[in-house]
Amino acid sequence: MKQRLLPMLFLLSAATLATSPAVAADPVPKHRIMFFEYGKGPNRLLELDANGKMVWEHKPPSIAVIFEVLPTGNVLYAYGGNPTGVREVNRKGEEVWNYVSKCPQVLGCRRLANGNTLVAEQGPCQAVEVSPKGEVVRVTPLTTTIKEYHLQVRNIHKLDNGNILAAHEGEGAVREVDEKGKIVWEYTGVENAGDARRLANGNTLISCGTQKRVIEVTPEKKIVWEFNAKDAPELNLTWVSSIQPLANGNIIVGNFLRNQEGKGAHVFEVTREKKVVWKWEDHALIKSLTTVRVLD
């Protein structure tokens, strides 16, 4: 009996292997994205579906480069004209909240967990926390050596410890300050620092602008990870304008193609092994972008 079964088992095994599907390769990710077009093209906020088709467009009242998509689907962004401040709009483009600042220019903002809004004011350089009613509840001075207000501060984030992490673009510095404005940590020597994110491991991820790189630094200021233009020349990395850490550990990087319009990727996703697993470019649709966010 055993001698008769063995050939049959072999035939079944061979048939199973012949009809089994091949091992699937890792799927190429697709991302729904939103970004601010800025530079030589129009200043506008665009949303694209996963196939790169434009599904929403919004034009700010004045210069705008930083935004946040809220859980409601509304969009919060800073606008830097006259007047200047922070707006929240719904997907119909209707204004549902607006804070007008008394400073010369606001280009950074963030909605806090308590419902207040953190406003990055320039001239003087400070973080202003505003209630939903538009009332100023806290002002935290921010330190920078830049006197001209336009480049004093970009993205700001309130950390779990209550401190504020701010990217000072003109100075090329990232600083963490307490509620009174005392510097408790800083990292300098970065060109056009647009954003910094405090990671769960305590390290800080920094977009290094015209240095064409993203770095992760420890509290002791040691660089433990870096991605730069030499790691993927085909991207034409020109100006790292925004960063977005994803839940899977990968990083979404915005590439501001200033004076390099028409070539290279506008945005890409890179792994910690420095593998570019996704990128988007459409030079017929836009010239260049600043802040970009994946919305999946």
Foldseek 3Di string as FASTA:
>chain_A
DVVVVVVVVVVVVVVCVVPDDDDDDDDQDFFWKWFFFDDPDAGKIFTAPSVRHTDAIEHDPADEADWDQDPVRWIKTWHFDVFTWIFIAHRVRHTPATATDPANGWHEKDQDPVRWIWTQGFRPGWTFTAHRVRHTDAIEGEDDPDDPRPQQWAYWDQDPVRWIWTQRQCQQKIFTAHRNHHTPAMDHDAHRWHDWDQDPVRWIWTFRFQQAKIFIAHSVGHTPAMDGCVLPVQQVQGTFQDWDQDPVRKIKTAGFCHVNFPGHFRIFIAHSVRDTSDTDDDSVVGGHTHDMDTDD
